[in-house]
Protein backbone atom coordinates (compact mmCIF):
# COMPACT_ATOMS: atom_id res chain seq x y z
CA UNK A 1 206.88 -27.11 73.54
CA UNK A 2 203.88 -27.82 75.80
CA UNK A 3 203.46 -24.12 76.47
CA UNK A 4 203.61 -23.39 72.75
CA UNK A 5 201.01 -26.11 72.05
CA UNK A 6 198.66 -24.70 74.70
CA UNK A 7 199.01 -21.24 73.19
CA UNK A 8 198.17 -22.55 69.74
CA UNK A 9 195.15 -24.47 71.02
CA UNK A 10 193.95 -21.38 72.87
CA UNK A 11 194.33 -19.22 69.74
CA UNK A 12 192.54 -21.84 67.67
CA UNK A 13 189.66 -21.89 70.13
CA UNK A 14 189.38 -18.10 70.04
CA UNK A 15 189.51 -17.91 66.26
CA UNK A 16 187.07 -20.77 65.80
CA UNK A 17 184.72 -18.96 68.16
CA UNK A 18 184.50 -16.06 65.78
CA UNK A 19 182.11 -18.05 63.62
CA UNK A 20 181.19 -21.35 65.30
CA UNK A 21 179.99 -20.55 68.81
CA UNK A 22 176.39 -19.43 69.47
CA UNK A 23 175.60 -15.97 68.18
CA UNK A 24 173.74 -14.67 71.23
CA UNK A 25 175.11 -14.59 74.75
CA UNK A 26 172.83 -15.24 77.71
CA UNK A 27 170.94 -12.10 78.82
CA UNK A 28 172.62 -10.18 81.64
CA UNK A 29 171.16 -8.09 84.39
CA UNK A 30 172.45 -4.60 83.57
CA UNK A 31 170.27 -2.67 86.02
CA UNK A 32 173.24 -1.60 88.16
CA UNK A 33 174.97 -0.22 85.09
CA UNK A 34 172.06 1.52 83.40
CA UNK A 35 170.92 2.90 86.76
CA UNK A 36 174.31 4.57 87.24
CA UNK A 37 173.67 6.76 84.19
CA UNK A 38 171.68 9.84 85.14
CA UNK A 39 170.79 13.28 83.84
CA UNK A 40 172.37 14.92 86.89
CA UNK A 41 175.78 13.31 86.53
CA UNK A 42 175.77 13.71 82.73
CA UNK A 43 174.96 17.41 83.05
CA UNK A 44 177.52 17.95 85.82
CA UNK A 45 180.31 16.33 83.82
CA UNK A 46 179.34 18.22 80.67
CA UNK A 47 179.22 21.55 82.51
CA UNK A 48 182.63 20.88 84.01
CA UNK A 49 184.29 20.08 80.68
CA UNK A 50 182.55 23.02 78.99
CA UNK A 51 183.53 25.49 81.72
CA UNK A 52 185.99 28.32 81.11
CA UNK A 53 188.49 26.57 83.39
CA UNK A 54 189.23 24.11 80.58
CA UNK A 55 189.78 26.98 78.12
CA UNK A 56 188.06 25.36 75.15
CA UNK A 57 190.15 22.17 75.38
CA UNK A 58 192.55 23.08 72.59
CA UNK A 59 195.35 20.57 71.88
CA UNK A 60 198.76 21.72 73.06
CA UNK A 61 197.39 24.24 75.55
CA UNK A 62 196.92 24.57 79.28
CA UNK A 63 193.34 23.58 78.54
CA UNK A 64 194.55 20.20 77.29
CA UNK A 65 196.67 19.65 80.39
CA UNK A 66 193.69 20.38 82.62
CA UNK A 67 191.31 18.28 80.53
CA UNK A 68 193.46 15.17 80.29
CA UNK A 69 194.40 15.32 83.98
CA UNK A 70 190.74 15.62 84.95
CA UNK A 71 189.78 12.69 82.71
CA UNK A 72 192.49 10.50 84.22
CA UNK A 73 191.26 11.37 87.71
CA UNK A 74 187.71 10.47 86.68
CA UNK A 75 188.69 7.08 85.24
CA UNK A 76 190.91 6.31 88.22
CA UNK A 77 188.11 7.12 90.66
CA UNK A 78 185.88 4.61 88.86
CA UNK A 79 188.41 1.86 89.52
CA UNK A 80 189.42 1.43 85.88
CA UNK A 81 192.99 0.61 84.93
CA UNK A 82 195.43 2.53 82.73
CA UNK A 83 194.91 1.49 79.11
CA UNK A 84 197.66 3.51 77.45
CA UNK A 85 201.25 3.03 76.41
CA UNK A 86 203.53 1.11 78.80
CA UNK A 87 200.90 0.90 81.49
CA UNK A 88 200.17 4.63 81.50
CA UNK A 89 196.83 6.42 81.17
CA UNK A 90 197.76 8.04 77.87
CA UNK A 91 198.98 7.54 74.37
CA UNK A 92 201.06 10.48 73.21
CA UNK A 93 200.09 11.81 69.79
CA UNK A 94 202.89 13.81 68.11
CA UNK A 95 201.44 16.81 66.32
CA UNK A 96 202.62 19.97 64.65
CA UNK A 97 200.62 23.15 65.14
CA UNK A 98 200.73 25.43 62.12
CA UNK A 99 199.54 29.03 62.06
CA UNK A 100 199.60 30.18 58.45
CA UNK A 101 199.52 33.72 57.18
CA UNK A 102 198.76 33.54 53.48
CA UNK A 103 199.06 36.15 50.75
CA UNK A 104 197.17 35.06 47.66
CA UNK A 105 197.02 37.12 44.50
CA UNK A 106 195.44 36.23 41.17
CA UNK A 107 196.65 37.44 37.77
CA UNK A 108 194.38 37.57 34.75
CA UNK A 109 194.23 39.64 31.54
CA UNK A 110 197.13 41.80 32.61
CA UNK A 111 195.66 42.62 36.02
CA UNK A 112 196.56 41.40 39.50
CA UNK A 113 194.22 41.27 42.49
CA UNK A 114 194.95 40.30 46.08
CA UNK A 115 192.29 38.22 47.79
CA UNK A 116 191.12 39.26 51.26
CA UNK A 117 191.26 36.89 54.22
CA UNK A 118 188.81 35.71 55.54
CA UNK A 119 186.12 37.27 53.34
CA UNK A 120 187.41 35.78 50.08
CA UNK A 121 189.43 32.76 51.16
CA UNK A 122 190.85 30.74 54.02
CA UNK A 123 194.14 29.04 53.28
CA UNK A 124 197.13 27.40 54.93
CA UNK A 125 200.13 25.27 54.04
CA UNK A 126 200.23 21.60 55.07
CA UNK A 127 204.01 21.71 54.59
CA UNK A 128 205.63 21.70 58.01
CA UNK A 129 208.22 24.41 57.44
CA UNK A 130 208.49 28.12 58.11
CA UNK A 131 207.72 29.56 54.68
CA UNK A 132 206.22 28.28 51.45
CA UNK A 133 206.07 30.08 48.13
CA UNK A 134 204.17 29.17 44.97
CA UNK A 135 204.71 31.47 42.02
CA UNK A 136 202.80 31.80 38.76
CA UNK A 137 200.75 28.62 39.25
CA UNK A 138 197.93 28.03 36.81
CA UNK A 139 194.40 27.59 38.20
CA UNK A 140 192.47 24.63 36.78
CA UNK A 141 188.82 23.86 37.50
CA UNK A 142 188.49 20.08 38.06
CA UNK A 143 184.79 19.83 38.83
CA UNK A 144 184.24 17.74 41.94
CA UNK A 145 187.81 16.41 41.86
CA UNK A 146 186.62 12.80 42.04
CA UNK A 147 188.29 9.68 40.69
CA UNK A 148 185.91 6.79 41.43
CA UNK A 149 186.52 3.70 39.25
CA UNK A 150 183.53 1.85 40.73
CA UNK A 151 181.28 4.57 39.30
CA UNK A 152 183.28 4.91 36.08
CA UNK A 153 183.91 8.54 37.07
CA UNK A 154 187.13 10.50 36.56
CA UNK A 155 187.17 14.28 36.80
CA UNK A 156 190.87 14.50 35.87
CA UNK A 157 190.74 12.52 32.59
CA UNK A 158 194.50 12.15 32.58
CA UNK A 159 195.09 15.91 32.50
CA UNK A 160 198.44 16.80 34.07
CA UNK A 161 197.87 19.12 37.04
CA UNK A 162 201.40 18.91 38.39
CA UNK A 163 202.56 22.32 39.56
CA UNK A 164 199.04 23.76 39.27
CA UNK A 165 196.35 24.84 41.72
CA UNK A 166 193.13 22.91 41.31
CA UNK A 167 189.76 24.50 42.07
CA UNK A 168 187.00 22.07 42.98
CA UNK A 169 183.42 21.79 44.18
CA UNK A 170 182.47 20.40 47.59
CA UNK A 171 180.52 17.15 48.09
CA UNK A 172 179.78 14.43 45.51
CA UNK A 173 178.42 15.05 42.03
CA UNK A 174 174.62 15.28 42.61
CA UNK A 175 173.55 13.25 39.59
CA UNK A 176 169.82 13.16 38.80
CA UNK A 177 168.02 9.86 38.43
CA UNK A 178 167.47 9.33 34.67
CA UNK A 179 163.99 7.94 35.43
CA UNK A 180 163.01 10.74 37.81
CA UNK A 181 165.11 13.94 37.51
CA UNK A 182 163.55 15.28 40.72
CA UNK A 183 165.54 12.68 42.67
CA UNK A 184 169.24 11.82 42.81
CA UNK A 185 170.47 8.61 41.23
CA UNK A 186 170.98 6.05 44.04
CA UNK A 187 173.28 4.06 41.72
CA UNK A 188 175.77 6.94 41.58
CA UNK A 189 177.58 8.12 44.72
CA UNK A 190 174.76 6.69 46.88
CA UNK A 191 172.27 9.27 45.71
CA UNK A 192 171.49 11.72 48.48
CA UNK A 193 174.06 10.23 50.88
CA UNK A 194 177.57 11.64 50.77
CA UNK A 195 180.45 9.26 50.06
CA UNK A 196 184.04 9.82 51.10
CA UNK A 197 184.63 11.36 47.68
CA UNK A 198 182.61 14.35 48.85
CA UNK A 199 184.72 15.10 51.93
CA UNK A 200 187.28 17.89 51.95
CA UNK A 201 189.91 15.43 53.21
CA UNK A 202 189.55 13.30 50.10
CA UNK A 203 189.72 16.31 47.80
CA UNK A 204 193.02 17.50 49.25
CA UNK A 205 194.35 13.95 49.18
CA UNK A 206 193.53 13.39 45.50
CA UNK A 207 194.91 16.82 44.53
CA UNK A 208 198.20 16.04 46.27
CA UNK A 209 198.35 12.56 44.76
CA UNK A 210 197.95 14.09 41.28
CA UNK A 211 200.88 16.43 41.89
CA UNK A 212 198.99 19.70 42.29
CA UNK A 213 200.81 22.32 44.35
CA UNK A 214 197.57 23.69 45.73
CA UNK A 215 193.86 23.05 46.05
CA UNK A 216 190.98 25.43 46.69
CA UNK A 217 187.52 24.08 47.49
CA UNK A 218 184.55 26.30 46.68
CA UNK A 219 182.36 26.60 49.74
CA UNK A 220 178.59 26.29 49.62
CA UNK A 221 176.67 26.03 52.86
CA UNK A 222 174.20 23.31 51.93
CA UNK A 223 176.54 20.76 50.29
CA UNK A 224 179.31 21.51 52.80
CA UNK A 225 176.78 21.07 55.66
CA UNK A 226 178.06 24.15 57.50
CA UNK A 227 178.24 27.90 56.84
CA UNK A 228 181.31 29.96 55.97
CA UNK A 229 181.98 31.02 59.56
CA UNK A 230 182.73 27.36 60.38
CA UNK A 231 185.45 27.40 57.74
CA UNK A 232 186.91 30.58 59.23
CA UNK A 233 186.73 29.38 62.84
CA UNK A 234 188.08 25.91 62.03
CA UNK A 235 190.78 26.64 59.46
CA UNK A 236 191.51 30.32 59.87
CA UNK A 237 193.56 29.90 63.04
CA UNK A 238 196.28 27.52 64.17
CA UNK A 239 195.77 24.07 62.67
CA UNK A 240 197.28 20.77 63.68
CA UNK A 241 198.44 17.76 61.76
CA UNK A 242 200.21 14.60 62.74
CA UNK A 243 203.95 15.01 62.82
CA UNK A 244 205.53 14.04 59.52
CA UNK A 245 202.32 13.06 57.71
CA UNK A 246 202.74 10.26 55.19
CA UNK A 247 202.16 10.62 51.48
CA UNK A 248 202.33 13.56 49.06
CA UNK A 249 201.56 17.02 50.42
CA UNK A 250 200.08 20.14 48.90
CA UNK A 251 202.06 23.36 49.16
CA UNK A 252 198.83 25.19 49.96
CA UNK A 253 195.26 24.14 50.70
CA UNK A 254 192.19 26.21 51.34
CA UNK A 255 188.66 27.31 50.63
CA UNK A 256 187.16 29.96 48.37
CA UNK A 257 183.99 31.70 49.48
CA UNK A 258 181.06 31.22 47.14
CA UNK A 259 180.92 34.93 46.33
CA UNK A 260 184.61 35.03 45.37
CA UNK A 261 184.27 31.86 43.27
CA UNK A 262 181.31 33.36 41.43
CA UNK A 263 183.33 36.50 40.62
CA UNK A 264 186.33 34.44 39.57
CA UNK A 265 184.37 32.32 37.09
CA UNK A 266 182.48 35.32 35.72
CA UNK A 267 185.79 37.06 35.08
CA UNK A 268 186.88 34.26 32.72
CA UNK A 269 183.69 34.32 30.66
CA UNK A 270 181.60 31.63 32.32
CA UNK A 271 179.42 31.41 35.42
CA UNK A 272 179.45 29.37 38.58
CA UNK A 273 176.19 27.63 37.68
CA UNK A 274 177.45 26.80 34.19
CA UNK A 275 180.65 25.33 35.64
CA UNK A 276 178.59 23.20 38.02
CA UNK A 277 176.44 21.92 35.16
CA UNK A 278 179.52 20.98 33.16
CA UNK A 279 180.95 19.15 36.18
CA UNK A 280 177.88 16.86 36.27
CA UNK A 281 178.69 15.40 32.87
CA UNK A 282 180.56 12.10 32.79
CA UNK A 283 182.70 13.42 29.92
CA UNK A 284 183.70 16.55 31.87
CA UNK A 285 187.35 17.51 31.42
CA UNK A 286 189.40 19.90 33.56
CA UNK A 287 189.08 23.52 32.47
CA UNK A 288 192.16 25.79 32.54
CA UNK A 289 190.90 29.13 33.82
CA UNK A 290 193.57 31.36 32.32
CA UNK A 291 194.30 32.67 35.81
CA UNK A 292 197.66 32.38 37.52
CA UNK A 293 198.31 32.67 41.23
CA UNK A 294 201.13 33.80 43.46
CA UNK A 295 201.01 32.38 46.97
CA UNK A 296 203.27 33.20 49.90
CA UNK A 297 202.66 31.39 53.18
CA UNK A 298 204.44 32.19 56.41
CA UNK A 299 204.04 29.41 58.95
CA UNK A 300 204.55 29.59 62.68
CA UNK A 301 205.21 26.04 63.84
CA UNK A 302 205.14 24.36 67.21
CA UNK A 303 205.64 20.69 67.98
CA UNK A 304 203.48 19.20 70.70
CA UNK A 305 202.73 15.86 72.28
CA UNK A 306 198.97 15.78 72.61
CA UNK A 307 197.27 12.88 74.42
CA UNK A 308 194.68 10.22 73.91
CA UNK A 309 193.43 9.29 77.39
CA UNK A 310 192.89 5.52 77.60
CA UNK A 311 191.26 3.56 80.42
CA UNK A 312 190.53 -0.15 80.40
CA UNK A 313 188.14 -2.55 82.06
CA UNK A 314 189.57 -6.06 81.85
CA UNK A 315 187.29 -8.76 80.53
CA UNK A 316 186.04 -11.50 82.83
CA UNK A 317 186.61 -14.37 80.39
CA UNK A 318 190.16 -15.73 80.38
CA UNK A 319 189.83 -16.78 76.73
CA UNK A 320 188.35 -13.50 75.48
CA UNK A 321 189.90 -10.80 77.64
CA UNK A 322 192.59 -10.17 75.01
CA UNK A 323 189.86 -9.08 72.61
CA UNK A 324 188.70 -5.47 72.78
CA UNK A 325 185.72 -3.24 72.28
CA UNK A 326 186.85 0.37 71.98
CA UNK A 327 184.47 3.14 73.05
CA UNK A 328 185.49 6.60 71.84
CA UNK A 329 184.66 10.27 72.25
CA UNK A 330 186.86 13.24 71.41
CA UNK A 331 187.73 15.54 74.30
CA UNK A 332 189.17 18.39 72.21
CA UNK A 333 187.54 21.52 70.85
CA UNK A 334 188.79 24.81 69.37
CA UNK A 335 190.42 26.40 72.42
CA UNK A 336 190.77 30.18 72.71
CA UNK A 337 190.88 32.82 69.99
CA UNK A 338 192.61 35.84 71.57
CA UNK A 339 191.95 37.96 68.48
CA UNK A 340 188.22 38.00 69.23
CA UNK A 341 186.53 40.72 71.25
CA UNK A 342 184.24 39.69 74.08
CA UNK A 343 183.97 35.95 74.63
CA UNK A 344 187.16 34.29 73.36
CA UNK A 345 186.61 30.69 74.56
CA UNK A 346 185.13 27.99 72.36
CA UNK A 347 183.66 25.90 75.18
CA UNK A 348 182.31 23.18 72.90
CA UNK A 349 179.52 21.97 75.19
CA UNK A 350 177.57 19.99 72.59
CA UNK A 351 180.74 19.37 70.56
CA UNK A 352 181.98 17.43 72.38
CA UNK A 353 181.97 17.98 76.13
CA UNK A 354 178.71 16.07 76.31
CA UNK A 355 180.06 13.14 74.29
CA UNK A 356 183.10 12.90 76.57
CA UNK A 357 180.79 13.12 79.58
CA UNK A 358 178.78 10.30 77.99
CA UNK A 359 181.97 8.24 77.73
CA UNK A 360 182.45 8.69 81.47
CA UNK A 361 178.81 7.75 82.09
CA UNK A 362 179.27 4.49 80.18
CA UNK A 363 182.51 3.82 82.07
CA UNK A 364 180.62 4.43 85.32
CA UNK A 365 177.87 2.05 84.28
CA UNK A 366 180.26 -0.76 83.44
CA UNK A 367 182.31 -0.17 86.60
CA UNK A 368 179.12 -0.65 88.67
CA UNK A 369 178.24 -4.03 87.15
CA UNK A 370 178.83 -6.97 89.47
CA UNK A 371 180.71 -8.77 86.68
CA UNK A 372 182.63 -7.28 83.78
CA UNK A 373 181.82 -8.33 80.21
CA UNK A 374 183.74 -11.26 78.78
CA UNK A 375 185.85 -9.08 76.51
CA UNK A 376 187.89 -6.10 77.66
CA UNK A 377 186.68 -2.54 77.15
CA UNK A 378 188.90 0.38 76.23
CA UNK A 379 187.45 3.82 76.95
CA UNK A 380 189.30 6.22 74.66
CA UNK A 381 188.99 9.99 75.04
CA UNK A 382 190.87 11.01 71.91
CA UNK A 383 192.49 14.24 70.81
CA UNK A 384 192.51 16.23 67.59
CA UNK A 385 189.12 15.27 66.18
CA UNK A 386 188.43 18.87 65.26
CA UNK A 387 191.72 18.94 63.35
CA UNK A 388 190.89 15.94 61.15
CA UNK A 389 190.37 12.92 63.44
CA UNK A 390 194.06 13.01 64.39
CA UNK A 391 193.97 11.16 67.72
CA UNK A 392 191.86 8.34 66.31
CA UNK A 393 194.01 8.18 63.18
CA UNK A 394 197.15 7.92 65.28
CA UNK A 395 195.65 5.16 67.42
CA UNK A 396 194.55 3.22 64.32
CA UNK A 397 198.09 3.48 62.93
CA UNK A 398 199.75 2.74 66.31
CA UNK A 399 197.20 0.69 68.25
CA UNK A 400 197.98 0.13 71.91
CA UNK A 401 195.80 -2.98 71.71
CA UNK A 402 195.90 -4.87 68.39
CA UNK A 403 193.27 -3.97 65.83
CA UNK A 404 193.06 -7.61 64.77
CA UNK A 405 191.82 -8.33 68.30
CA UNK A 406 189.50 -5.29 68.34
CA UNK A 407 186.01 -6.52 67.59
CA UNK A 408 184.25 -3.15 67.36
CA UNK A 409 184.56 0.61 67.84
CA UNK A 410 181.61 2.51 69.33
CA UNK A 411 181.70 6.29 69.09
CA UNK A 412 179.97 9.26 70.72
CA UNK A 413 180.18 12.71 69.17
CA UNK A 414 177.43 14.87 70.61
CA UNK A 415 174.34 13.57 72.43
CA UNK A 416 170.65 14.40 72.40
CA UNK A 417 169.99 17.59 74.43
CA UNK A 418 166.32 18.04 73.52
CA UNK A 419 164.35 15.24 75.23
CA UNK A 420 163.12 11.70 74.75
CA UNK A 421 162.60 10.29 71.25
CA UNK A 422 160.62 7.37 69.91
CA UNK A 423 163.51 6.49 67.62
CA UNK A 424 167.31 6.38 67.38
CA UNK A 425 169.42 7.02 64.27
CA UNK A 426 172.38 4.97 63.07
CA UNK A 427 174.90 6.89 61.02
CA UNK A 428 175.73 4.49 58.19
CA UNK A 429 172.77 2.17 58.76
CA UNK A 430 173.28 -1.09 56.88
CA UNK A 431 177.07 -1.07 57.08
CA UNK A 432 177.54 -3.78 59.72
CA UNK A 433 175.86 -6.34 61.96
CA UNK A 434 176.25 -3.89 64.85
CA UNK A 435 172.93 -2.55 63.60
CA UNK A 436 171.27 -5.78 64.76
CA UNK A 437 172.30 -5.14 68.35
CA UNK A 438 170.95 -1.59 68.23
CA UNK A 439 167.65 -2.78 66.80
CA UNK A 440 167.26 -5.47 69.46
CA UNK A 441 167.93 -3.09 72.36
CA UNK A 442 165.86 -0.27 70.87
CA UNK A 443 162.92 -2.65 70.48
CA UNK A 444 163.09 -3.44 74.20
CA UNK A 445 162.97 0.30 74.87
CA UNK A 446 159.89 0.54 72.65
CA UNK A 447 161.78 2.53 70.03
CA UNK A 448 162.49 2.22 66.33
CA UNK A 449 165.78 2.50 64.45
CA UNK A 450 166.17 4.75 61.45
CA UNK A 451 168.93 5.89 59.14
CA UNK A 452 170.49 9.26 59.83
CA UNK A 453 168.10 11.98 58.62
CA UNK A 454 170.72 13.94 56.63
CA UNK A 455 173.04 11.47 54.85
CA UNK A 456 174.11 14.20 52.44
CA UNK A 457 176.17 15.75 55.27
CA UNK A 458 178.61 12.84 55.23
CA UNK A 459 178.57 12.51 59.01
CA UNK A 460 179.92 8.96 58.85
CA UNK A 461 183.24 10.36 57.63
CA UNK A 462 183.41 13.20 60.14
CA UNK A 463 184.04 11.54 63.49
CA UNK A 464 186.56 9.25 65.15
CA UNK A 465 184.92 5.89 64.40
CA UNK A 466 185.78 6.45 60.72
CA UNK A 467 189.50 5.92 61.37
CA UNK A 468 188.71 2.53 62.92
CA UNK A 469 186.41 1.70 60.01
CA UNK A 470 189.15 2.52 57.50
CA UNK A 471 191.38 0.09 59.39
CA UNK A 472 188.70 -2.61 59.07
CA UNK A 473 187.15 -2.50 62.55
CA UNK A 474 183.31 -2.54 62.48
CA UNK A 475 182.21 0.83 63.85
CA UNK A 476 179.00 2.21 65.28
CA UNK A 477 177.97 5.85 65.55
CA UNK A 478 174.51 6.84 66.78
CA UNK A 479 172.68 10.13 66.55
CA UNK A 480 169.53 11.36 68.24
CA UNK A 481 166.23 10.35 66.72
CA UNK A 482 163.85 12.89 65.20
CA UNK A 483 160.50 11.81 66.68
CA UNK A 484 160.49 13.75 69.95
CA UNK A 485 157.83 12.77 72.45
CA UNK A 486 155.32 15.57 72.96
CA UNK A 487 156.91 17.78 70.28
CA UNK A 488 155.88 18.79 66.75
CA UNK A 489 156.97 16.50 63.91
CA UNK A 490 159.63 18.93 62.69
CA UNK A 491 161.05 19.68 66.16
CA UNK A 492 164.21 17.58 65.79
CA UNK A 493 165.01 18.96 62.36
CA UNK A 494 164.51 22.53 63.57
CA UNK A 495 166.74 22.02 66.61
CA UNK A 496 169.50 20.48 64.50
CA UNK A 497 169.36 23.34 62.02
CA UNK A 498 169.38 25.89 64.83
CA UNK A 499 172.48 24.34 66.37
CA UNK A 500 174.34 24.31 63.05
CA UNK A 501 173.46 27.93 62.35
CA UNK A 502 173.81 29.41 65.83
CA UNK A 503 176.30 27.35 67.80
CA UNK A 504 178.35 24.89 65.73
CA UNK A 505 182.03 25.84 66.12
CA UNK A 506 181.03 29.11 67.75
CA UNK A 507 181.75 30.49 71.21
CA UNK A 508 178.01 30.20 71.85
CA UNK A 509 178.25 26.39 72.08
CA UNK A 510 177.71 26.34 75.83
CA UNK A 511 175.44 24.44 78.20
CA UNK A 512 171.93 25.84 77.68
CA UNK A 513 169.38 26.29 80.49
CA UNK A 514 166.66 24.59 78.42
CA UNK A 515 168.60 21.38 77.77
CA UNK A 516 166.64 18.21 78.47
CA UNK A 517 169.07 15.30 78.85
CA UNK A 518 166.46 12.60 79.44
CA UNK A 519 166.83 11.48 75.83
CA UNK A 520 170.63 11.42 76.10
CA UNK A 521 170.36 9.17 79.17
CA UNK A 522 168.05 6.78 77.32
CA UNK A 523 170.49 6.70 74.38
CA UNK A 524 173.44 6.05 76.71
CA UNK A 525 171.60 3.19 78.40
CA UNK A 526 170.96 1.75 74.95
CA UNK A 527 174.67 2.11 74.13
CA UNK A 528 175.65 0.42 77.37
CA UNK A 529 173.53 -2.62 76.54
CA UNK A 530 174.74 -2.69 72.93
CA UNK A 531 178.36 -2.50 74.10
CA UNK A 532 177.72 -5.25 76.63
CA UNK A 533 176.18 -7.51 73.98
CA UNK A 534 179.13 -7.00 71.65
CA UNK A 535 181.54 -7.59 74.54
CA UNK A 536 179.89 -10.90 75.51
CA UNK A 537 178.76 -12.56 72.31
CA UNK A 538 181.07 -15.10 70.77
CA UNK A 539 180.47 -14.03 67.20
CA UNK A 540 182.33 -10.93 66.13
CA UNK A 541 180.47 -8.08 64.42
CA UNK A 542 180.94 -8.07 60.66
CA UNK A 543 180.79 -5.60 57.81
CA UNK A 544 177.95 -6.24 55.41
CA UNK A 545 178.82 -7.45 51.89
CA UNK A 546 179.54 -4.56 49.56
CA UNK A 547 180.72 -2.23 52.33
CA UNK A 548 184.03 -0.58 51.46
CA UNK A 549 185.65 -1.64 54.76
CA UNK A 550 184.87 -5.36 54.54
CA UNK A 551 187.92 -6.39 52.52
CA UNK A 552 190.31 -4.93 55.09
CA UNK A 553 188.55 -6.79 57.91
CA UNK A 554 188.46 -10.06 55.99
CA UNK A 555 192.22 -9.80 55.53
CA UNK A 556 192.69 -9.45 59.29
CA UNK A 557 190.53 -12.45 60.10
CA UNK A 558 192.32 -14.67 57.58
CA UNK A 559 195.52 -14.17 59.52
CA UNK A 560 193.79 -15.33 62.72
CA UNK A 561 192.33 -18.52 61.31
């Protein structure tokens, strides 16, 4: 009874501390930690992970075995403890690899035409079985495929698409501001910024939920935020999904190239631009295209146990060490494509060897501090990000350390390789009080904080922190600033565009001789101090009112009070 009473009093003290104790912890001397982060060690770790020895770090490959073993050795050498399942260094993530060969033919006006992979389309079957066949399925254009009650927007209008293949546009509906048609309406789908409704994941989810057997998204480089070759390199080879995914599944999913979509719509007496204009009307209704499709998918399946590598640093406060700050970076990339000629290895230096190296730099910094933060830290090198945030999603669904005791998730996906900036960007600025910590630390560095420069790319929904956010955990994701010291005003924008065009999801994403990691080191030192503040302050970070993740978090905290 006494033990039970002590436990209850302890829990009450912890929960009361969420809102009643002072907001700011006493300043700490972090010089030993920030000084441990250097350009030399960051570059060395990045070059190691991006070397051919790790074979592109594909899940379920020898490259994964080498990568995860190396990461464990690195964490162990720092004196961290295993943070995984049953006292191990890992959390196994059950996945199914699916290599789909798809035959897709369209029938219209008495004629049949086979589409050519990958020029016309890229497609696969999410169904985890050897063969899938869809015969004589009607194609229906559903605009942007969005059902958003908060915006009074419904592209389906109750039309039954069961057994059909829906064709949809990428991104959100770009609705003009009625007062200024040259701008987008900030009251609808956040204006220029992409919402989750614009992501390909949502579009496949809503199509499956409506009973469609298939979904084809029309690709456009600007609204998709990447060119067609990214679609081919990312989805045209073996894909992974979590084993036995929950919820309804499409029989086939895929992308149509813009050129093929234009021909398809012209063939039925309309045009691509006209279809897009119709889709911007609130009273838009799905349009049957008069085209029917035969689809035959042959799947080669393999079941794997991929790994999240988890290392912990126990908190120094007896009352708070059971609360967690999770720091994430994905170790995986696209592996090897043996069908290519020449270079076959997708080394993924900027995406995301450098982010994983940054995770190790932060772990090194915290390991060098004379005293650990009050709360415990979990350094999570997660798998399957390139396949749809799979490792993070699995952790959020099967947390090794309870999410209702996880105060924040801090994510690194890519780091600044182009020099020092006067600013730092928060992806999703305004979502949570984590912004306040970034602003305070940036101000001490003599820097400003800005919103991400390209919110239309939907970056907030494209990296591992999003899975924690969906589960209610306040999440922070930083990107490099754009005001580079000693560089022209457009330097950052040009370098970002160059990377997307030349290197993103290409074998050319390798360590470059002209990289300048001084800015990355400054950003990592900022992240170390932000993480330390969050790990020491008594008040938990919170979602701002009106943020879509706040209700889930509020539910968690009610159970703790």
